[in-house]
Amino acid sequence: MRFNKRQAALLVIGASAAVLAASPAFAYVGPGAGLTLLGALWGLILAVVVSVGFILLWPIRRLMRRNRQIGPTGDQQAADDDPTHSMLGNPSDRDDRRM
């Protein structure tokens, strides 16, 4: 649907007239409603920023974790033999934690 210049001008004039003809609604919005609106808005903005940041920083965290596991020598085998990060620890240690 394409507008020609005349239709576009009429649309702009009509929208401007509707906006200028509107009378103010003398309504009171209390501080509780305003603070609630601001809190919800800040929560939404923060959620979007954190999710975008998490997605953008994910590859960097993965590279850092890979470099930490491999170590300065570049030996993957040495990182795999690290007993502090092994899932096959001493079973007696696990039994003590349950009680």
N, C-alpha and C. Protein backbone atom coordinates (compact mmCIF):
# COMPACT_ATOMS: atom_id res chain seq x y z
N MET A 1 0.84 -1.16 0.00
CA MET A 1 0.00 0.00 0.00
C MET A 1 0.89 1.23 0.00
N ARG A 2 0.81 2.00 -1.03
CA ARG A 2 1.65 3.19 -1.18
C ARG A 2 0.82 4.45 -0.97
N PHE A 3 1.39 5.40 -0.27
CA PHE A 3 0.75 6.69 -0.06
C PHE A 3 1.29 7.69 -1.08
N ASN A 4 0.41 8.49 -1.61
CA ASN A 4 0.92 9.59 -2.41
C ASN A 4 1.08 10.80 -1.49
N LYS A 5 1.57 11.88 -2.02
CA LYS A 5 1.87 13.05 -1.18
C LYS A 5 0.60 13.64 -0.56
N ARG A 6 -0.49 13.63 -1.29
CA ARG A 6 -1.72 14.19 -0.77
C ARG A 6 -2.25 13.37 0.41
N GLN A 7 -2.23 12.04 0.27
CA GLN A 7 -2.70 11.18 1.36
C GLN A 7 -1.80 11.31 2.60
N ALA A 8 -0.50 11.41 2.38
CA ALA A 8 0.42 11.56 3.50
C ALA A 8 0.20 12.88 4.21
N ALA A 9 -0.02 13.95 3.44
CA ALA A 9 -0.27 15.27 4.04
C ALA A 9 -1.57 15.24 4.84
N LEU A 10 -2.62 14.62 4.31
CA LEU A 10 -3.89 14.53 5.02
C LEU A 10 -3.74 13.71 6.31
N LEU A 11 -2.96 12.66 6.25
CA LEU A 11 -2.73 11.84 7.44
C LEU A 11 -2.00 12.64 8.53
N VAL A 12 -0.99 13.40 8.14
CA VAL A 12 -0.24 14.21 9.11
C VAL A 12 -1.14 15.30 9.70
N ILE A 13 -1.93 15.96 8.86
CA ILE A 13 -2.82 17.00 9.34
C ILE A 13 -3.88 16.43 10.28
N GLY A 14 -4.45 15.28 9.91
CA GLY A 14 -5.46 14.65 10.75
C GLY A 14 -4.90 14.20 12.09
N ALA A 15 -3.71 13.61 12.10
CA ALA A 15 -3.10 13.17 13.35
C ALA A 15 -2.74 14.36 14.23
N SER A 16 -2.23 15.43 13.62
CA SER A 16 -1.90 16.63 14.39
C SER A 16 -3.16 17.25 15.00
N ALA A 17 -4.24 17.29 14.24
CA ALA A 17 -5.49 17.85 14.75
C ALA A 17 -6.03 17.02 15.91
N ALA A 18 -5.93 15.71 15.80
CA ALA A 18 -6.42 14.83 16.87
C ALA A 18 -5.60 15.02 18.15
N VAL A 19 -4.31 15.19 18.00
CA VAL A 19 -3.45 15.36 19.18
C VAL A 19 -3.69 16.72 19.83
N LEU A 20 -3.81 17.76 19.01
CA LEU A 20 -3.99 19.11 19.55
C LEU A 20 -5.39 19.33 20.12
N ALA A 21 -6.39 18.59 19.64
CA ALA A 21 -7.76 18.77 20.10
C ALA A 21 -8.04 18.02 21.40
N ALA A 22 -7.16 17.13 21.79
CA ALA A 22 -7.40 16.34 23.00
C ALA A 22 -7.28 17.23 24.23
N SER A 23 -8.24 17.10 25.10
CA SER A 23 -8.19 17.88 26.34
C SER A 23 -7.44 17.08 27.40
N PRO A 24 -6.81 17.77 28.31
CA PRO A 24 -6.07 17.04 29.34
C PRO A 24 -7.02 16.29 30.27
N ALA A 25 -6.61 15.13 30.67
CA ALA A 25 -7.39 14.35 31.61
C ALA A 25 -6.80 14.62 32.99
N PHE A 26 -7.52 15.36 33.79
CA PHE A 26 -7.01 15.75 35.10
C PHE A 26 -7.08 14.58 36.06
N ALA A 27 -6.20 13.62 35.84
CA ALA A 27 -6.19 12.42 36.65
C ALA A 27 -4.94 12.46 37.54
N TYR A 28 -5.09 11.93 38.72
CA TYR A 28 -3.99 11.90 39.67
C TYR A 28 -3.41 10.50 39.69
N VAL A 29 -2.11 10.43 39.50
CA VAL A 29 -1.41 9.16 39.62
C VAL A 29 -0.57 9.27 40.89
N GLY A 30 -0.88 8.45 41.85
CA GLY A 30 -0.21 8.52 43.15
C GLY A 30 1.23 8.05 43.07
N PRO A 31 1.99 8.29 44.12
CA PRO A 31 3.40 7.90 44.13
C PRO A 31 3.58 6.38 44.12
N GLY A 32 2.64 5.65 44.68
CA GLY A 32 2.77 4.19 44.69
C GLY A 32 2.70 3.61 43.29
N ALA A 33 1.78 4.11 42.48
CA ALA A 33 1.65 3.62 41.11
C ALA A 33 2.86 4.03 40.28
N GLY A 34 3.35 5.24 40.51
CA GLY A 34 4.52 5.70 39.77
C GLY A 34 5.77 4.89 40.10
N LEU A 35 5.96 4.63 41.39
CA LEU A 35 7.13 3.83 41.79
C LEU A 35 7.02 2.39 41.29
N THR A 36 5.81 1.87 41.28
CA THR A 36 5.61 0.52 40.75
C THR A 36 5.94 0.47 39.27
N LEU A 37 5.49 1.47 38.54
CA LEU A 37 5.79 1.53 37.11
C LEU A 37 7.29 1.65 36.87
N LEU A 38 7.96 2.52 37.64
CA LEU A 38 9.40 2.68 37.48
C LEU A 38 10.16 1.40 37.86
N GLY A 39 9.72 0.74 38.91
CA GLY A 39 10.38 -0.51 39.30
C GLY A 39 10.24 -1.59 38.25
N ALA A 40 9.06 -1.69 37.66
CA ALA A 40 8.85 -2.68 36.61
C ALA A 40 9.68 -2.34 35.38
N LEU A 41 9.75 -1.07 35.04
CA LEU A 41 10.54 -0.64 33.88
C LEU A 41 12.02 -0.93 34.10
N TRP A 42 12.54 -0.59 35.29
CA TRP A 42 13.94 -0.87 35.57
C TRP A 42 14.23 -2.36 35.58
N GLY A 43 13.30 -3.14 36.09
CA GLY A 43 13.48 -4.59 36.07
C GLY A 43 13.54 -5.14 34.66
N LEU A 44 12.69 -4.64 33.80
CA LEU A 44 12.68 -5.09 32.41
C LEU A 44 13.97 -4.68 31.70
N ILE A 45 14.38 -3.44 31.89
CA ILE A 45 15.62 -2.97 31.26
C ILE A 45 16.82 -3.76 31.77
N LEU A 46 16.88 -4.01 33.06
CA LEU A 46 17.99 -4.77 33.63
C LEU A 46 18.02 -6.21 33.12
N ALA A 47 16.85 -6.82 32.98
CA ALA A 47 16.79 -8.19 32.47
C ALA A 47 17.30 -8.26 31.03
N VAL A 48 16.95 -7.29 30.21
CA VAL A 48 17.41 -7.28 28.82
C VAL A 48 18.92 -7.06 28.77
N VAL A 49 19.44 -6.13 29.56
CA VAL A 49 20.88 -5.84 29.55
C VAL A 49 21.68 -7.05 30.04
N VAL A 50 21.22 -7.69 31.10
CA VAL A 50 21.94 -8.85 31.63
C VAL A 50 21.91 -10.00 30.64
N SER A 51 20.78 -10.24 30.00
CA SER A 51 20.72 -11.35 29.05
C SER A 51 21.59 -11.09 27.82
N VAL A 52 21.60 -9.86 27.32
CA VAL A 52 22.47 -9.55 26.18
C VAL A 52 23.94 -9.64 26.60
N GLY A 53 24.27 -9.14 27.78
CA GLY A 53 25.64 -9.24 28.27
C GLY A 53 26.08 -10.68 28.44
N PHE A 54 25.18 -11.52 28.96
CA PHE A 54 25.53 -12.93 29.14
C PHE A 54 25.81 -13.59 27.81
N ILE A 55 24.99 -13.29 26.80
CA ILE A 55 25.18 -13.89 25.48
C ILE A 55 26.48 -13.39 24.85
N LEU A 56 26.79 -12.12 25.02
CA LEU A 56 28.01 -11.57 24.42
C LEU A 56 29.27 -12.03 25.14
N LEU A 57 29.19 -12.25 26.45
CA LEU A 57 30.38 -12.65 27.20
C LEU A 57 30.60 -14.16 27.25
N TRP A 58 29.65 -14.94 26.78
CA TRP A 58 29.76 -16.39 26.84
C TRP A 58 31.02 -16.90 26.13
N PRO A 59 31.32 -16.50 24.90
CA PRO A 59 32.54 -17.02 24.25
C PRO A 59 33.81 -16.64 24.99
N ILE A 60 33.84 -15.45 25.56
CA ILE A 60 35.04 -15.02 26.29
C ILE A 60 35.23 -15.87 27.53
N ARG A 61 34.15 -16.14 28.27
CA ARG A 61 34.26 -16.99 29.46
C ARG A 61 34.70 -18.40 29.08
N ARG A 62 34.19 -18.88 27.96
CA ARG A 62 34.56 -20.23 27.53
C ARG A 62 36.05 -20.30 27.18
N LEU A 63 36.56 -19.28 26.49
CA LEU A 63 38.00 -19.26 26.17
C LEU A 63 38.84 -19.18 27.43
N MET A 64 38.42 -18.36 28.39
CA MET A 64 39.18 -18.24 29.63
C MET A 64 39.17 -19.56 30.40
N ARG A 65 38.03 -20.22 30.44
CA ARG A 65 37.95 -21.50 31.14
C ARG A 65 38.81 -22.56 30.46
N ARG A 66 38.81 -22.57 29.13
CA ARG A 66 39.62 -23.53 28.38
C ARG A 66 41.10 -23.27 28.62
N ASN A 67 41.51 -22.01 28.64
CA ASN A 67 42.91 -21.68 28.87
C ASN A 67 43.33 -22.04 30.29
N ARG A 68 42.44 -21.87 31.26
CA ARG A 68 42.75 -22.21 32.65
C ARG A 68 42.89 -23.73 32.80
N GLN A 69 42.06 -24.50 32.12
CA GLN A 69 42.12 -25.96 32.24
C GLN A 69 43.38 -26.51 31.57
N ILE A 70 43.72 -25.94 30.44
CA ILE A 70 44.89 -26.44 29.71
C ILE A 70 46.17 -26.08 30.44
N GLY A 71 46.24 -24.89 31.02
CA GLY A 71 47.42 -24.50 31.78
C GLY A 71 48.44 -23.79 30.93
N PRO A 72 49.50 -23.29 31.57
CA PRO A 72 50.50 -22.52 30.83
C PRO A 72 51.35 -23.37 29.90
N THR A 73 51.47 -24.67 30.19
CA THR A 73 52.30 -25.52 29.32
C THR A 73 51.55 -25.95 28.08
N GLY A 74 50.25 -25.79 28.05
CA GLY A 74 49.47 -26.21 26.89
C GLY A 74 49.19 -27.70 26.87
N ASP A 75 49.35 -28.36 28.02
CA ASP A 75 49.19 -29.81 28.09
C ASP A 75 47.79 -30.13 28.62
N GLN A 76 46.94 -30.67 27.76
CA GLN A 76 45.58 -31.02 28.17
C GLN A 76 45.60 -32.21 29.13
N GLN A 77 46.54 -33.11 29.00
CA GLN A 77 46.61 -34.29 29.86
C GLN A 77 46.86 -33.87 31.31
N ALA A 78 47.69 -32.85 31.53
CA ALA A 78 47.96 -32.39 32.89
C ALA A 78 46.70 -31.82 33.52
N ALA A 79 45.87 -31.16 32.74
CA ALA A 79 44.62 -30.61 33.26
C ALA A 79 43.64 -31.72 33.59
N ASP A 80 43.65 -32.79 32.83
CA ASP A 80 42.73 -33.90 33.08
C ASP A 80 43.12 -34.70 34.32
N ASP A 81 44.38 -34.69 34.71
CA ASP A 81 44.85 -35.46 35.85
C ASP A 81 44.80 -34.69 37.16
N ASP A 82 44.23 -33.51 37.17
CA ASP A 82 44.17 -32.68 38.37
C ASP A 82 43.22 -33.32 39.38
N PRO A 83 43.70 -33.77 40.56
CA PRO A 83 42.83 -34.45 41.52
C PRO A 83 41.82 -33.53 42.20
N THR A 84 42.07 -32.24 42.23
CA THR A 84 41.13 -31.34 42.90
C THR A 84 39.85 -31.14 42.10
N HIS A 85 39.90 -31.39 40.80
CA HIS A 85 38.72 -31.24 39.96
C HIS A 85 38.21 -32.58 39.46
N SER A 86 38.60 -33.63 40.10
CA SER A 86 38.18 -34.96 39.68
C SER A 86 36.86 -35.32 40.33
N MET A 87 36.00 -36.00 39.59
CA MET A 87 34.74 -36.49 40.16
C MET A 87 34.95 -37.80 40.90
N LEU A 88 36.12 -38.39 40.73
CA LEU A 88 36.43 -39.67 41.37
C LEU A 88 37.27 -39.42 42.61
N GLY A 89 36.71 -38.73 43.58
CA GLY A 89 37.44 -38.43 44.80
C GLY A 89 37.39 -39.61 45.76
N ASN A 90 37.87 -39.38 46.96
CA ASN A 90 37.87 -40.40 47.99
C ASN A 90 36.42 -40.60 48.47
N PRO A 91 35.88 -41.82 48.40
CA PRO A 91 34.49 -42.03 48.81
C PRO A 91 34.24 -41.75 50.29
N SER A 92 35.25 -41.87 51.13
CA SER A 92 35.03 -41.62 52.55
C SER A 92 34.74 -40.14 52.80
N ASP A 93 35.29 -39.25 51.97
CA ASP A 93 34.99 -37.82 52.11
C ASP A 93 33.53 -37.54 51.84
N ARG A 94 32.97 -38.19 50.87
CA ARG A 94 31.56 -37.96 50.53
C ARG A 94 30.64 -38.51 51.63
N ASP A 95 31.01 -39.59 52.27
CA ASP A 95 30.17 -40.15 53.32
C ASP A 95 30.12 -39.23 54.54
N ASP A 96 31.22 -38.55 54.83
CA ASP A 96 31.27 -37.66 55.97
C ASP A 96 30.37 -36.43 55.78
N ARG A 97 30.22 -36.00 54.56
CA ARG A 97 29.41 -34.79 54.30
C ARG A 97 27.92 -35.07 54.44
N ARG A 98 27.50 -36.28 54.30
CA ARG A 98 26.08 -36.60 54.36
C ARG A 98 25.54 -36.54 55.78
N MET A 99 26.37 -36.69 56.76
CA MET A 99 25.89 -36.76 58.15
C MET A 99 26.00 -35.46 58.83
